[in-house]
Amino acid sequence: MRAPLLVAGILVLSIAWLGPALLPGSLGFVGHMAVHMAVVGIAAPLLAIGCAGSRWDPTPYAPAL
């Protein structure tokens, strides 16, 4: 169940970071904030839920996290 969430998080992250690079010109502040919100609001939770309990989960090795 968590693998699709991890893949979705990686997909959203790659689209958010690579999308503006493919467009000509500057996106300005609005474009920057759209990328920021996609990374922070969508990709980060998907990646965190997708990694929880897997071998990429850092909490068993660093419980302070």
N, C-alpha and C. Protein backbone atom coordinates (compact mmCIF):
# COMPACT_ATOMS: atom_id res chain seq x y z
N MET A 1 0.83 -1.20 0.00
CA MET A 1 0.00 0.00 0.00
C MET A 1 0.87 1.26 0.00
N ARG A 2 2.01 1.20 0.66
CA ARG A 2 2.83 2.41 0.77
C ARG A 2 3.72 2.66 -0.43
N ALA A 3 4.01 1.62 -1.19
CA ALA A 3 4.86 1.79 -2.37
C ALA A 3 4.25 2.75 -3.39
N PRO A 4 2.94 2.67 -3.68
CA PRO A 4 2.37 3.65 -4.62
C PRO A 4 2.46 5.09 -4.11
N LEU A 5 2.35 5.28 -2.79
CA LEU A 5 2.49 6.62 -2.23
C LEU A 5 3.91 7.15 -2.41
N LEU A 6 4.88 6.28 -2.23
CA LEU A 6 6.28 6.68 -2.42
C LEU A 6 6.53 7.04 -3.88
N VAL A 7 6.02 6.25 -4.79
CA VAL A 7 6.18 6.52 -6.22
C VAL A 7 5.47 7.82 -6.59
N ALA A 8 4.27 8.04 -6.04
CA ALA A 8 3.54 9.27 -6.31
C ALA A 8 4.31 10.48 -5.78
N GLY A 9 4.91 10.36 -4.60
CA GLY A 9 5.71 11.45 -4.05
C GLY A 9 6.91 11.78 -4.90
N ILE A 10 7.58 10.75 -5.40
CA ILE A 10 8.73 10.97 -6.28
C ILE A 10 8.29 11.60 -7.59
N LEU A 11 7.15 11.17 -8.10
CA LEU A 11 6.63 11.73 -9.35
C LEU A 11 6.26 13.21 -9.18
N VAL A 12 5.55 13.54 -8.11
CA VAL A 12 5.19 14.94 -7.86
C VAL A 12 6.43 15.79 -7.67
N LEU A 13 7.40 15.26 -6.94
CA LEU A 13 8.64 16.00 -6.70
C LEU A 13 9.39 16.25 -8.01
N SER A 14 9.46 15.24 -8.85
CA SER A 14 10.18 15.43 -10.11
C SER A 14 9.45 16.40 -11.04
N ILE A 15 8.12 16.33 -11.07
CA ILE A 15 7.37 17.27 -11.91
C ILE A 15 7.51 18.69 -11.38
N ALA A 16 7.45 18.85 -10.06
CA ALA A 16 7.55 20.19 -9.47
C ALA A 16 8.92 20.80 -9.71
N TRP A 17 9.98 20.00 -9.61
CA TRP A 17 11.32 20.55 -9.78
C TRP A 17 11.73 20.69 -11.23
N LEU A 18 11.31 19.75 -12.07
CA LEU A 18 11.74 19.79 -13.46
C LEU A 18 10.79 20.58 -14.36
N GLY A 19 9.56 20.74 -13.95
CA GLY A 19 8.58 21.46 -14.76
C GLY A 19 9.00 22.87 -15.12
N PRO A 20 9.37 23.71 -14.15
CA PRO A 20 9.79 25.08 -14.49
C PRO A 20 11.05 25.13 -15.34
N ALA A 21 11.91 24.12 -15.22
CA ALA A 21 13.13 24.11 -16.02
C ALA A 21 12.84 23.92 -17.50
N LEU A 22 11.70 23.29 -17.81
CA LEU A 22 11.35 23.05 -19.20
C LEU A 22 10.64 24.23 -19.85
N LEU A 23 10.17 25.16 -19.04
CA LEU A 23 9.46 26.33 -19.56
C LEU A 23 10.44 27.46 -19.84
N PRO A 24 10.28 28.16 -20.95
CA PRO A 24 11.18 29.28 -21.22
C PRO A 24 10.83 30.49 -20.33
N GLY A 25 11.83 31.20 -19.93
CA GLY A 25 11.62 32.41 -19.14
C GLY A 25 11.45 32.12 -17.66
N SER A 26 11.28 33.18 -16.93
CA SER A 26 11.14 33.08 -15.48
C SER A 26 9.67 32.97 -15.10
N LEU A 27 9.39 32.18 -14.09
CA LEU A 27 8.01 32.03 -13.62
C LEU A 27 7.64 33.09 -12.59
N GLY A 28 8.63 33.74 -12.05
CA GLY A 28 8.37 34.78 -11.06
C GLY A 28 7.99 34.20 -9.71
N PHE A 29 7.46 35.08 -8.89
CA PHE A 29 7.14 34.71 -7.51
C PHE A 29 6.01 33.68 -7.45
N VAL A 30 4.99 33.85 -8.26
CA VAL A 30 3.86 32.93 -8.23
C VAL A 30 4.30 31.52 -8.63
N GLY A 31 5.11 31.43 -9.65
CA GLY A 31 5.63 30.12 -10.07
C GLY A 31 6.50 29.48 -9.02
N HIS A 32 7.33 30.30 -8.39
CA HIS A 32 8.19 29.81 -7.32
C HIS A 32 7.36 29.26 -6.17
N MET A 33 6.32 29.99 -5.79
CA MET A 33 5.48 29.55 -4.68
C MET A 33 4.66 28.31 -5.05
N ALA A 34 4.26 28.18 -6.31
CA ALA A 34 3.54 26.97 -6.74
C ALA A 34 4.44 25.74 -6.63
N VAL A 35 5.69 25.88 -7.03
CA VAL A 35 6.64 24.78 -6.89
C VAL A 35 6.86 24.48 -5.42
N HIS A 36 7.03 25.51 -4.60
CA HIS A 36 7.24 25.34 -3.17
C HIS A 36 6.07 24.60 -2.52
N MET A 37 4.86 24.98 -2.84
CA MET A 37 3.69 24.34 -2.24
C MET A 37 3.54 22.89 -2.72
N ALA A 38 3.89 22.62 -3.97
CA ALA A 38 3.83 21.24 -4.46
C ALA A 38 4.83 20.36 -3.73
N VAL A 39 6.02 20.90 -3.49
CA VAL A 39 7.05 20.13 -2.80
C VAL A 39 6.70 19.95 -1.33
N VAL A 40 6.33 21.03 -0.66
CA VAL A 40 6.09 20.98 0.79
C VAL A 40 4.73 20.39 1.13
N GLY A 41 3.71 20.74 0.37
CA GLY A 41 2.36 20.33 0.72
C GLY A 41 1.91 19.01 0.15
N ILE A 42 2.51 18.57 -0.95
CA ILE A 42 2.05 17.33 -1.58
C ILE A 42 3.15 16.27 -1.56
N ALA A 43 4.32 16.58 -2.10
CA ALA A 43 5.37 15.58 -2.24
C ALA A 43 5.93 15.13 -0.89
N ALA A 44 6.18 16.06 0.03
CA ALA A 44 6.79 15.69 1.31
C ALA A 44 5.91 14.74 2.13
N PRO A 45 4.60 14.99 2.27
CA PRO A 45 3.78 14.01 3.01
C PRO A 45 3.71 12.66 2.31
N LEU A 46 3.62 12.65 0.98
CA LEU A 46 3.58 11.38 0.26
C LEU A 46 4.87 10.59 0.47
N LEU A 47 6.01 11.28 0.42
CA LEU A 47 7.29 10.61 0.65
C LEU A 47 7.42 10.11 2.08
N ALA A 48 6.97 10.90 3.04
CA ALA A 48 7.06 10.49 4.44
C ALA A 48 6.19 9.27 4.73
N ILE A 49 4.97 9.27 4.22
CA ILE A 49 4.08 8.13 4.44
C ILE A 49 4.60 6.91 3.68
N GLY A 50 5.12 7.14 2.47
CA GLY A 50 5.64 6.02 1.68
C GLY A 50 6.88 5.38 2.29
N CYS A 51 7.70 6.15 2.99
CA CYS A 51 8.92 5.63 3.60
C CYS A 51 8.69 5.05 4.99
N ALA A 52 7.61 5.38 5.64
CA ALA A 52 7.36 4.93 7.01
C ALA A 52 7.27 3.41 7.07
N GLY A 53 8.05 2.84 7.95
CA GLY A 53 8.04 1.40 8.15
C GLY A 53 8.82 0.60 7.13
N SER A 54 9.48 1.26 6.19
CA SER A 54 10.27 0.54 5.19
C SER A 54 11.74 0.58 5.58
N ARG A 55 12.57 0.06 4.72
CA ARG A 55 14.01 0.07 5.03
C ARG A 55 14.61 1.46 4.91
N TRP A 56 13.89 2.40 4.28
CA TRP A 56 14.37 3.78 4.17
C TRP A 56 13.91 4.65 5.33
N ASP A 57 13.19 4.09 6.26
CA ASP A 57 12.71 4.84 7.42
C ASP A 57 13.86 5.07 8.39
N PRO A 58 14.24 6.32 8.67
CA PRO A 58 15.41 6.56 9.54
C PRO A 58 15.12 6.42 11.02
N THR A 59 13.88 6.31 11.44
CA THR A 59 13.59 6.32 12.88
C THR A 59 14.11 5.10 13.65
N PRO A 60 14.19 3.90 13.09
CA PRO A 60 14.78 2.80 13.89
C PRO A 60 16.27 3.03 14.20
N TYR A 61 16.95 3.75 13.31
CA TYR A 61 18.39 3.99 13.50
C TYR A 61 18.67 5.29 14.24
N ALA A 62 17.75 6.21 14.20
CA ALA A 62 17.91 7.49 14.87
C ALA A 62 16.58 7.86 15.54
N PRO A 63 16.29 7.27 16.70
CA PRO A 63 14.97 7.52 17.33
C PRO A 63 14.71 8.97 17.70
N ALA A 64 15.74 9.77 17.79
CA ALA A 64 15.54 11.19 18.13
C ALA A 64 14.82 11.94 17.01
N LEU A 65 14.88 11.39 15.80
CA LEU A 65 14.20 12.03 14.69
C LEU A 65 12.71 11.88 14.83
